[in-house]
Amino acid sequence: MKASDKHKLIDRIKTLEGLTDDERSALLGLLNETKTYGLVWEDKPEDVEERLRTELPVLKEVKSRAIISENADAPNHILIEGDNLEALTTLAYTHEGKIDVIYIDPPYNTGKKDFVYNDTFIDFEDSFRHSKWLSFISRRLKIAKNLLSDNGMIFLSIDDNEQASLKLLCDELFGEVNFLGQLILKTATDNNPSQINTEHEYMLCYCKRRDYQKNWQRQSQAAKLLITAGKEIMSTGVSIEEAQKELRKWIKANKRILPQVAHYNNIDEKGVYSSSSNSSNPHPG
């Protein structure tokens, strides 16, 4: 079966009348069993998704909560209160392809009543715990992807409970080529003497289109001072050998204000560089 035909069949099953939720999930599960690689789960219908088939969410402004700025150039921020799937569906009509950065902090599905699905807390005893979470997050990520501009990026916080599943899901939705990296965030230590102490969470980062991403460069104030000093020394017309002596003398005198860049103590006509790199990359950060 072609992928396009399979998607059409899935859409028909989702809208077919006369099926119970379990029957619908079973049919969708059978279709997904033919998958040879990737993430497979039993899709669980969500009440809000079923409601959105016949009802269009409409935003209502609460003027009493508006924050008015006297600055004519102040940005017009919008805070939407409500179910996030309904909010995303609304934004899809007005902001498709216009969002540069999205940050999502989903429920971590720890099994300790941090995740509500169809008005029910999901715990360890729920045999479809992970399937419900994947059904929940995949619907929202599909809309989020459409909201991103071509140079847009999305950041997603998660912990060990669903990190592996989320990575596979995002590889499928955004494309593995658009995976920019995974940040490790230090958190409070889970002091459990019978297990490995856990003191970190993750943040996955994907872009909409890798070919639209430019190099990320952030230059510290210390790096700017060092680069400027190097340029001033070279402008005096001294030899490279003398310039390097002057640069190292300047670094020694200002080492206190040069954290993490003092090792850029070499210089030539291209600028300052560290002994571990070369002058073709004179960019202390």
C-alpha atoms as a PDB file:
ATOM      1  CA  MET A   1       0.000   0.000   0.000  1.00  0.00           C
ATOM      2  CA  LYS A   2       1.294   3.445  -0.921  1.00  0.00           C
ATOM      3  CA  ALA A   3       1.891   5.902   1.903  1.00  0.00           C
ATOM      4  CA  SER A   4      -0.716   8.298   0.498  1.00  0.00           C
ATOM      5  CA  ASP A   5      -3.322   5.531   0.346  1.00  0.00           C
ATOM      6  CA  LYS A   6      -2.508   4.499   3.885  1.00  0.00           C
ATOM      7  CA  HIS A   7      -3.006   8.055   5.170  1.00  0.00           C
ATOM      8  CA  LYS A   8      -6.363   8.276   3.395  1.00  0.00           C
ATOM      9  CA  LEU A   9      -7.441   5.002   4.965  1.00  0.00           C
ATOM     10  CA  ILE A  10      -6.372   6.206   8.411  1.00  0.00           C
ATOM     11  CA  ASP A  11      -8.424   9.385   7.954  1.00  0.00           C
ATOM     12  CA  ARG A  12     -11.456   7.319   6.914  1.00  0.00           C
ATOM     13  CA  ILE A  13     -11.147   5.064   9.950  1.00  0.00           C
ATOM     14  CA  LYS A  14     -10.906   8.077  12.260  1.00  0.00           C
ATOM     15  CA  THR A  15     -14.162   9.513  10.908  1.00  0.00           C
ATOM     16  CA  LEU A  16     -16.042   6.243  10.356  1.00  0.00           C
ATOM     17  CA  GLU A  17     -19.283   6.127  12.321  1.00  0.00           C
ATOM     18  CA  GLY A  18     -20.485   3.106  14.261  1.00  0.00           C
ATOM     19  CA  LEU A  19     -17.096   2.123  15.705  1.00  0.00           C
ATOM     20  CA  THR A  20     -16.242   2.128  19.400  1.00  0.00           C
ATOM     21  CA  ASP A  21     -13.001   3.767  20.526  1.00  0.00           C
ATOM     22  CA  ASP A  22     -11.433   0.337  21.105  1.00  0.00           C
ATOM     23  CA  GLU A  23     -12.442  -0.868  17.627  1.00  0.00           C
ATOM     24  CA  ARG A  24     -11.082   2.297  16.024  1.00  0.00           C
ATOM     25  CA  SER A  25      -7.781   1.940  17.915  1.00  0.00           C
ATOM     26  CA  ALA A  26      -7.529  -1.728  16.933  1.00  0.00           C
ATOM     27  CA  LEU A  27      -7.941  -0.965  13.225  1.00  0.00           C
ATOM     28  CA  LEU A  28      -5.367   1.836  13.364  1.00  0.00           C
ATOM     29  CA  GLY A  29      -3.031  -0.465  15.250  1.00  0.00           C
ATOM     30  CA  LEU A  30      -3.275  -3.104  12.522  1.00  0.00           C
ATOM     31  CA  LEU A  31      -2.327  -0.525   9.891  1.00  0.00           C
ATOM     32  CA  ASN A  32       0.710   0.535  11.876  1.00  0.00           C
ATOM     33  CA  GLU A  33       1.944  -3.030  12.401  1.00  0.00           C
ATOM     34  CA  THR A  34       3.403  -3.084   8.874  1.00  0.00           C
ATOM     35  CA  LYS A  35       5.887  -0.380   9.764  1.00  0.00           C
ATOM     36  CA  THR A  36       9.450  -1.659   9.456  1.00  0.00           C
ATOM     37  CA  TYR A  37      11.316   1.099  11.308  1.00  0.00           C
ATOM     38  CA  GLY A  38      10.327   3.900  13.613  1.00  0.00           C
ATOM     39  CA  LEU A  39       7.948   4.456  16.473  1.00  0.00           C
ATOM     40  CA  VAL A  40       4.750   2.400  16.575  1.00  0.00           C
ATOM     41  CA  TRP A  41       2.001   2.850  19.144  1.00  0.00           C
ATOM     42  CA  GLU A  42      -1.712   2.274  19.495  1.00  0.00           C
ATOM     43  CA  ASP A  43      -3.397   5.578  18.792  1.00  0.00           C
ATOM     44  CA  LYS A  44      -5.876   6.543  21.476  1.00  0.00           C
ATOM     45  CA  PRO A  45      -8.661   8.963  20.465  1.00  0.00           C
ATOM     46  CA  GLU A  46      -8.710  12.217  22.415  1.00  0.00           C
ATOM     47  CA  ASP A  47     -11.981  13.891  23.383  1.00  0.00           C
ATOM     48  CA  VAL A  48     -10.812  17.353  22.381  1.00  0.00           C
ATOM     49  CA  GLU A  49      -9.732  16.104  18.943  1.00  0.00           C
ATOM     50  CA  GLU A  50     -13.166  14.573  18.349  1.00  0.00           C
ATOM     51  CA  ARG A  51     -14.779  17.848  19.410  1.00  0.00           C
ATOM     52  CA  LEU A  52     -12.650  19.811  16.966  1.00  0.00           C
ATOM     53  CA  ARG A  53     -14.108  17.832  14.067  1.00  0.00           C
ATOM     54  CA  THR A  54     -17.410  19.677  14.454  1.00  0.00           C
ATOM     55  CA  GLU A  55     -16.525  22.759  16.509  1.00  0.00           C
ATOM     56  CA  LEU A  56     -14.122  25.549  15.615  1.00  0.00           C
ATOM     57  CA  PRO A  57     -12.453  27.192  18.644  1.00  0.00           C
ATOM     58  CA  VAL A  58     -12.849  30.959  18.761  1.00  0.00           C
ATOM     59  CA  LEU A  59     -10.628  33.267  20.820  1.00  0.00           C
ATOM     60  CA  LYS A  60     -12.410  35.760  23.057  1.00  0.00           C
ATOM     61  CA  GLU A  61     -10.499  38.811  24.238  1.00  0.00           C
ATOM     62  CA  VAL A  62     -10.586  39.631  27.949  1.00  0.00           C
ATOM     63  CA  LYS A  63      -9.951  43.379  27.776  1.00  0.00           C
ATOM     64  CA  SER A  64      -9.673  43.765  31.535  1.00  0.00           C
ATOM     65  CA  ARG A  65      -6.464  41.682  31.443  1.00  0.00           C
ATOM     66  CA  ALA A  66      -4.809  43.623  28.641  1.00  0.00           C
ATOM     67  CA  ILE A  67      -1.377  45.112  29.361  1.00  0.00           C
ATOM     68  CA  ILE A  68      -1.196  48.403  27.529  1.00  0.00           C
ATOM     69  CA  SER A  69       2.202  49.923  26.805  1.00  0.00           C
ATOM     70  CA  GLU A  70       2.794  53.594  26.069  1.00  0.00           C
ATOM     71  CA  ASN A  71       5.578  52.574  23.708  1.00  0.00           C
ATOM     72  CA  ALA A  72       4.198  52.622  20.173  1.00  0.00           C
ATOM     73  CA  ASP A  73       6.793  50.029  19.102  1.00  0.00           C
ATOM     74  CA  ALA A  74       5.937  47.556  21.876  1.00  0.00           C
ATOM     75  CA  PRO A  75       5.227  44.030  20.591  1.00  0.00           C
ATOM     76  CA  ASN A  76       1.670  42.746  20.640  1.00  0.00           C
ATOM     77  CA  HIS A  77       1.895  39.561  22.697  1.00  0.00           C
ATOM     78  CA  ILE A  78      -1.014  37.131  23.026  1.00  0.00           C
ATOM     79  CA  LEU A  79      -1.621  34.872  26.031  1.00  0.00           C
ATOM     80  CA  ILE A  80      -4.111  32.110  25.219  1.00  0.00           C
ATOM     81  CA  GLU A  81      -5.792  30.299  28.096  1.00  0.00           C
ATOM     82  CA  GLY A  82      -7.440  26.971  27.319  1.00  0.00           C
ATOM     83  CA  ASP A  83      -6.745  23.488  25.974  1.00  0.00           C
ATOM     84  CA  ASN A  84      -3.438  23.611  24.099  1.00  0.00           C
ATOM     85  CA  LEU A  85      -4.723  21.554  21.158  1.00  0.00           C
ATOM     86  CA  GLU A  86      -7.597  23.994  20.665  1.00  0.00           C
ATOM     87  CA  ALA A  87      -5.192  26.933  21.000  1.00  0.00           C
ATOM     88  CA  LEU A  88      -2.780  25.458  18.445  1.00  0.00           C
ATOM     89  CA  THR A  89      -5.646  24.720  16.070  1.00  0.00           C
ATOM     90  CA  THR A  90      -6.727  28.366  16.291  1.00  0.00           C
ATOM     91  CA  LEU A  91      -3.187  29.617  15.655  1.00  0.00           C
ATOM     92  CA  ALA A  92      -2.960  27.365  12.608  1.00  0.00           C
ATOM     93  CA  TYR A  93      -5.482  29.646  10.895  1.00  0.00           C
ATOM     94  CA  THR A  94      -3.610  32.868  11.677  1.00  0.00           C
ATOM     95  CA  HIS A  95       0.080  32.021  12.201  1.00  0.00           C
ATOM     96  CA  GLU A  96       0.913  29.143   9.872  1.00  0.00           C
ATOM     97  CA  GLY A  97       4.549  29.444   8.780  1.00  0.00           C
ATOM     98  CA  LYS A  98       5.061  32.615  10.850  1.00  0.00           C
ATOM     99  CA  ILE A  99       6.543  31.419  14.163  1.00  0.00           C
ATOM    100  CA  ASP A 100      10.334  31.547  14.562  1.00  0.00           C
ATOM    101  CA  VAL A 101      10.710  29.855  17.962  1.00  0.00           C
ATOM    102  CA  ILE A 102       8.475  27.397  19.815  1.00  0.00           C
ATOM    103  CA  TYR A 103       9.191  26.040  23.297  1.00  0.00           C
ATOM    104  CA  ILE A 104       7.134  23.099  24.571  1.00  0.00           C
ATOM    105  CA  ASP A 105       7.225  21.812  28.145  1.00  0.00           C
ATOM    106  CA  PRO A 106       4.876  18.795  27.956  1.00  0.00           C
ATOM    107  CA  PRO A 107       3.810  16.557  30.841  1.00  0.00           C
ATOM    108  CA  TYR A 108       6.685  14.138  31.454  1.00  0.00           C
ATOM    109  CA  ASN A 109       4.351  11.148  31.912  1.00  0.00           C
ATOM    110  CA  THR A 110       6.065  10.028  35.118  1.00  0.00           C
ATOM    111  CA  GLY A 111       3.088   7.901  36.149  1.00  0.00           C
ATOM    112  CA  LYS A 112       2.651  10.110  39.211  1.00  0.00           C
ATOM    113  CA  LYS A 113      -0.476  11.932  38.060  1.00  0.00           C
ATOM    114  CA  ASP A 114       1.353  14.638  36.085  1.00  0.00           C
ATOM    115  CA  PHE A 115      -0.423  13.746  32.827  1.00  0.00           C
ATOM    116  CA  VAL A 116      -4.172  14.059  32.219  1.00  0.00           C
ATOM    117  CA  TYR A 117      -5.749  12.393  29.184  1.00  0.00           C
ATOM    118  CA  ASN A 118      -9.475  12.693  28.522  1.00  0.00           C
ATOM    119  CA  ASP A 119      -9.944  14.177  32.011  1.00  0.00           C
ATOM    120  CA  THR A 120      -8.252  11.182  33.655  1.00  0.00           C
ATOM    121  CA  PHE A 121      -4.880  11.081  35.408  1.00  0.00           C
ATOM    122  CA  ILE A 122      -2.545   8.543  33.811  1.00  0.00           C
ATOM    123  CA  ASP A 123      -0.558   6.399  36.270  1.00  0.00           C
ATOM    124  CA  PHE A 124       1.803   3.399  36.149  1.00  0.00           C
ATOM    125  CA  GLU A 125      -1.098   0.966  36.161  1.00  0.00           C
ATOM    126  CA  ASP A 126      -2.398   2.208  32.800  1.00  0.00           C
ATOM    127  CA  SER A 127      -1.228  -0.321  30.211  1.00  0.00           C
ATOM    128  CA  PHE A 128      -1.645   2.300  27.459  1.00  0.00           C
ATOM    129  CA  ARG A 129       0.271   4.978  29.369  1.00  0.00           C
ATOM    130  CA  HIS A 130       2.918   5.539  26.694  1.00  0.00           C
ATOM    131  CA  SER A 131       0.490   5.186  23.772  1.00  0.00           C
ATOM    132  CA  LYS A 132      -1.764   7.865  25.226  1.00  0.00           C
ATOM    133  CA  TRP A 133       1.175  10.192  25.759  1.00  0.00           C
ATOM    134  CA  LEU A 134       2.425   9.679  22.200  1.00  0.00           C
ATOM    135  CA  SER A 135      -1.080  10.236  20.806  1.00  0.00           C
ATOM    136  CA  PHE A 136      -1.287  13.423  22.885  1.00  0.00           C
ATOM    137  CA  ILE A 137       2.081  14.903  21.916  1.00  0.00           C
ATOM    138  CA  SER A 138       2.114  13.845  18.252  1.00  0.00           C
ATOM    139  CA  ARG A 139      -1.118  15.742  17.484  1.00  0.00           C
ATOM    140  CA  ARG A 140       0.304  18.916  18.980  1.00  0.00           C
ATOM    141  CA  LEU A 141       3.713  18.594  17.333  1.00  0.00           C
ATOM    142  CA  LYS A 142       2.175  18.154  13.888  1.00  0.00           C
ATOM    143  CA  ILE A 143       0.424  21.511  14.248  1.00  0.00           C
ATOM    144  CA  ALA A 144       3.509  23.115  15.814  1.00  0.00           C
ATOM    145  CA  LYS A 145       5.594  22.094  12.806  1.00  0.00           C
ATOM    146  CA  ASN A 146       3.149  23.846  10.464  1.00  0.00           C
ATOM    147  CA  LEU A 147       3.345  26.988  12.585  1.00  0.00           C
ATOM    148  CA  LEU A 148       7.139  27.222  12.210  1.00  0.00           C
ATOM    149  CA  SER A 149       8.648  29.519   9.616  1.00  0.00           C
ATOM    150  CA  ASP A 150      11.269  28.085   7.252  1.00  0.00           C
ATOM    151  CA  ASN A 151      14.057  29.236   9.592  1.00  0.00           C
ATOM    152  CA  GLY A 152      12.058  28.374  12.723  1.00  0.00           C
ATOM    153  CA  MET A 153      13.185  26.141  15.587  1.00  0.00           C
ATOM    154  CA  ILE A 154      11.393  24.152  18.268  1.00  0.00           C
ATOM    155  CA  PHE A 155      12.709  23.254  21.731  1.00  0.00           C
ATOM    156  CA  LEU A 156      11.138  20.466  23.808  1.00  0.00           C
ATOM    157  CA  SER A 157      11.829  19.695  27.461  1.00  0.00           C
ATOM    158  CA  ILE A 158      11.571  16.089  28.625  1.00  0.00           C
ATOM    159  CA  ASP A 159      13.075  13.590  31.084  1.00  0.00           C
ATOM    160  CA  ASP A 160      13.975   9.893  30.965  1.00  0.00           C
ATOM    161  CA  ASN A 161      10.349   8.708  31.008  1.00  0.00           C
ATOM    162  CA  GLU A 162       9.674   9.696  27.389  1.00  0.00           C
ATOM    163  CA  GLN A 163      12.982  11.036  26.034  1.00  0.00           C
ATOM    164  CA  ALA A 164      13.639   8.019  23.808  1.00  0.00           C
ATOM    165  CA  SER A 165      10.094   8.002  22.424  1.00  0.00           C
ATOM    166  CA  LEU A 166      10.091  11.768  21.864  1.00  0.00           C
ATOM    167  CA  LYS A 167      13.392  11.641  19.969  1.00  0.00           C
ATOM    168  CA  LEU A 168      12.080   8.967  17.586  1.00  0.00           C
ATOM    169  CA  LEU A 169       8.792  10.814  17.149  1.00  0.00           C
ATOM    170  CA  CYS A 170      10.510  14.121  16.355  1.00  0.00           C
ATOM    171  CA  ASP A 171      12.898  12.412  13.938  1.00  0.00           C
ATOM    172  CA  GLU A 172       9.830  11.184  12.093  1.00  0.00           C
ATOM    173  CA  LEU A 173       7.850  14.442  12.199  1.00  0.00           C
ATOM    174  CA  PHE A 174      10.634  16.981  11.631  1.00  0.00           C
ATOM    175  CA  GLY A 175      13.154  14.763   9.851  1.00  0.00           C
ATOM    176  CA  GLU A 176      16.333  13.398  11.393  1.00  0.00           C
ATOM    177  CA  VAL A 177      18.361  15.804   9.255  1.00  0.00           C
ATOM    178  CA  ASN A 178      16.704  18.721  11.087  1.00  0.00           C
ATOM    179  CA  PHE A 179      17.818  17.549  14.541  1.00  0.00           C
ATOM    180  CA  LEU A 180      20.090  20.317  15.866  1.00  0.00           C
ATOM    181  CA  GLY A 181      21.071  18.735  19.164  1.00  0.00           C
ATOM    182  CA  GLN A 182      20.092  17.685  22.651  1.00  0.00           C
ATOM    183  CA  LEU A 183      20.868  19.864  25.660  1.00  0.00           C
ATOM    184  CA  ILE A 184      21.461  18.303  29.080  1.00  0.00           C
ATOM    185  CA  LEU A 185      19.989  20.409  31.888  1.00  0.00           C
ATOM    186  CA  LYS A 186      21.125  19.947  35.483  1.00  0.00           C
ATOM    187  CA  THR A 187      18.263  19.645  37.982  1.00  0.00           C
ATOM    188  CA  ALA A 188      17.874  18.699  41.628  1.00  0.00           C
ATOM    189  CA  THR A 189      19.448  15.364  42.531  1.00  0.00           C
ATOM    190  CA  ASP A 190      17.126  12.423  43.055  1.00  0.00           C
ATOM    191  CA  ASN A 191      18.834  10.914  46.091  1.00  0.00           C
ATOM    192  CA  ASN A 192      17.813   7.277  45.911  1.00  0.00           C
ATOM    193  CA  PRO A 193      20.510   5.018  47.430  1.00  0.00           C
ATOM    194  CA  SER A 194      19.155   1.932  45.665  1.00  0.00           C
ATOM    195  CA  GLN A 195      19.380   3.409  42.157  1.00  0.00           C
ATOM    196  CA  ILE A 196      21.496   5.695  39.978  1.00  0.00           C
ATOM    197  CA  ASN A 197      21.059   9.301  41.102  1.00  0.00           C
ATOM    198  CA  THR A 198      19.302  11.334  38.414  1.00  0.00           C
ATOM    199  CA  GLU A 199      20.079  15.030  38.317  1.00  0.00           C
ATOM    200  CA  HIS A 200      19.359  16.044  34.750  1.00  0.00           C
ATOM    201  CA  GLU A 201      16.644  16.507  32.149  1.00  0.00           C
ATOM    202  CA  TYR A 202      16.842  17.017  28.385  1.00  0.00           C
ATOM    203  CA  MET A 203      15.901  19.613  25.814  1.00  0.00           C
ATOM    204  CA  LEU A 204      15.583  18.475  22.214  1.00  0.00           C
ATOM    205  CA  CYS A 205      16.091  21.043  19.485  1.00  0.00           C
ATOM    206  CA  TYR A 206      14.851  20.725  15.888  1.00  0.00           C
ATOM    207  CA  CYS A 207      14.578  23.194  13.031  1.00  0.00           C
ATOM    208  CA  LYS A 208      11.989  23.392  10.282  1.00  0.00           C
ATOM    209  CA  ARG A 209      14.578  23.424   7.489  1.00  0.00           C
ATOM    210  CA  ARG A 210      18.264  22.806   8.041  1.00  0.00           C
ATOM    211  CA  ASP A 211      19.221  24.676   4.856  1.00  0.00           C
ATOM    212  CA  TYR A 212      17.730  27.886   6.289  1.00  0.00           C
ATOM    213  CA  GLN A 213      19.799  27.785   9.484  1.00  0.00           C
ATOM    214  CA  LYS A 214      22.733  30.165   9.797  1.00  0.00           C
ATOM    215  CA  ASN A 215      25.706  29.691  12.100  1.00  0.00           C
ATOM    216  CA  TRP A 216      24.908  30.499  15.716  1.00  0.00           C
ATOM    217  CA  GLN A 217      27.551  32.855  17.057  1.00  0.00           C
ATOM    218  CA  ARG A 218      27.537  34.568  20.424  1.00  0.00           C
ATOM    219  CA  GLN A 219      30.544  36.641  21.340  1.00  0.00           C
ATOM    220  CA  SER A 220      31.194  37.493  24.981  1.00  0.00           C
ATOM    221  CA  GLN A 221      32.343  40.896  26.167  1.00  0.00           C
ATOM    222  CA  ALA A 222      35.711  39.390  27.107  1.00  0.00           C
ATOM    223  CA  ALA A 223      36.151  38.057  23.555  1.00  0.00           C
ATOM    224  CA  LYS A 224      35.345  41.483  22.107  1.00  0.00           C
ATOM    225  CA  LEU A 225      37.972  43.109  24.333  1.00  0.00           C
ATOM    226  CA  LEU A 226      40.591  40.541  23.319  1.00  0.00           C
ATOM    227  CA  ILE A 227      39.876  40.889  19.595  1.00  0.00           C
ATOM    228  CA  THR A 228      39.982  44.685  19.837  1.00  0.00           C
ATOM    229  CA  ALA A 229      43.310  44.586  21.707  1.00  0.00           C
ATOM    230  CA  GLY A 230      44.752  42.302  19.018  1.00  0.00           C
ATOM    231  CA  LYS A 231      43.672  44.662  16.243  1.00  0.00           C
ATOM    232  CA  GLU A 232      45.170  47.665  18.025  1.00  0.00           C
ATOM    233  CA  ILE A 233      48.484  45.862  18.520  1.00  0.00           C
ATOM    234  CA  MET A 234      48.669  44.841  14.845  1.00  0.00           C
ATOM    235  CA  SER A 235      47.797  48.384  13.731  1.00  0.00           C
ATOM    236  CA  THR A 236      51.074  49.662  15.185  1.00  0.00           C
ATOM    237  CA  GLY A 237      53.001  47.877  12.427  1.00  0.00           C
ATOM    238  CA  VAL A 238      55.091  45.661  14.681  1.00  0.00           C
ATOM    239  CA  SER A 239      56.244  42.213  13.588  1.00  0.00           C
ATOM    240  CA  ILE A 240      54.185  39.110  14.363  1.00  0.00           C
ATOM    241  CA  GLU A 241      56.755  38.097  16.980  1.00  0.00           C
ATOM    242  CA  GLU A 242      56.549  41.474  18.729  1.00  0.00           C
ATOM    243  CA  ALA A 243      52.761  41.530  18.401  1.00  0.00           C
ATOM    244  CA  GLN A 244      52.512  38.172  20.141  1.00  0.00           C
ATOM    245  CA  LYS A 245      54.701  39.405  22.994  1.00  0.00           C
ATOM    246  CA  GLU A 246      52.525  42.505  23.369  1.00  0.00           C
ATOM    247  CA  LEU A 247      49.316  40.448  23.244  1.00  0.00           C
ATOM    248  CA  ARG A 248      50.488  38.076  25.977  1.00  0.00           C
ATOM    249  CA  LYS A 249      51.614  41.007  28.090  1.00  0.00           C
ATOM    250  CA  TRP A 250      48.141  42.575  27.689  1.00  0.00           C
ATOM    251  CA  ILE A 251      46.406  39.257  28.531  1.00  0.00           C
ATOM    252  CA  LYS A 252      48.503  38.853  31.687  1.00  0.00           C
ATOM    253  CA  ALA A 253      47.595  42.359  32.817  1.00  0.00           C
ATOM    254  CA  ASN A 254      43.888  41.816  32.141  1.00  0.00           C
ATOM    255  CA  LYS A 255      43.499  38.108  32.928  1.00  0.00           C
ATOM    256  CA  ARG A 256      40.908  38.792  35.627  1.00  0.00           C
ATOM    257  CA  ILE A 257      38.410  40.101  33.060  1.00  0.00           C
ATOM    258  CA  LEU A 258      39.149  37.454  30.432  1.00  0.00           C
ATOM    259  CA  PRO A 259      37.482  34.274  31.710  1.00  0.00           C
ATOM    260  CA  GLN A 260      37.606  31.357  29.257  1.00  0.00           C
ATOM    261  CA  VAL A 261      39.318  33.304  26.456  1.00  0.00           C
ATOM    262  CA  ALA A 262      42.790  33.973  27.911  1.00  0.00           C
ATOM    263  CA  HIS A 263      44.136  30.929  26.028  1.00  0.00           C
ATOM    264  CA  TYR A 264      43.652  32.860  22.764  1.00  0.00           C
ATOM    265  CA  ASN A 265      47.187  34.164  23.210  1.00  0.00           C
ATOM    266  CA  ASN A 266      48.495  33.858  19.646  1.00  0.00           C
ATOM    267  CA  ILE A 267      48.180  36.428  16.908  1.00  0.00           C
ATOM    268  CA  ASP A 268      48.929  36.927  13.236  1.00  0.00           C
ATOM    269  CA  GLU A 269      47.601  39.130  10.440  1.00  0.00           C
ATOM    270  CA  LYS A 270      44.202  37.351  10.631  1.00  0.00           C
ATOM    271  CA  GLY A 271      43.696  38.054  14.321  1.00  0.00           C
ATOM    272  CA  VAL A 272      43.979  36.305  17.675  1.00  0.00           C
ATOM    273  CA  TYR A 273      43.705  32.540  17.979  1.00  0.00           C
ATOM    274  CA  SER A 274      44.356  29.798  20.518  1.00  0.00           C
ATOM    275  CA  SER A 275      47.292  27.432  20.448  1.00  0.00           C
ATOM    276  CA  SER A 276      44.834  24.521  20.097  1.00  0.00           C
ATOM    277  CA  SER A 277      43.349  25.958  16.885  1.00  0.00           C
ATOM    278  CA  ASN A 278      44.843  28.047  14.118  1.00  0.00           C
ATOM    279  CA  SER A 279      44.630  31.513  12.693  1.00  0.00           C
ATOM    280  CA  SER A 280      41.936  30.509  10.200  1.00  0.00           C
ATOM    281  CA  ASN A 281      39.478  30.367  13.097  1.00  0.00           C
ATOM    282  CA  PRO A 282      40.192  33.500  15.171  1.00  0.00           C
ATOM    283  CA  HIS A 283      36.841  33.588  16.990  1.00  0.00           C
ATOM    284  CA  PRO A 284      37.162  33.421  20.769  1.00  0.00           C
ATOM    285  CA  GLY A 285      33.711  33.195  22.315  1.00  0.00           C
END
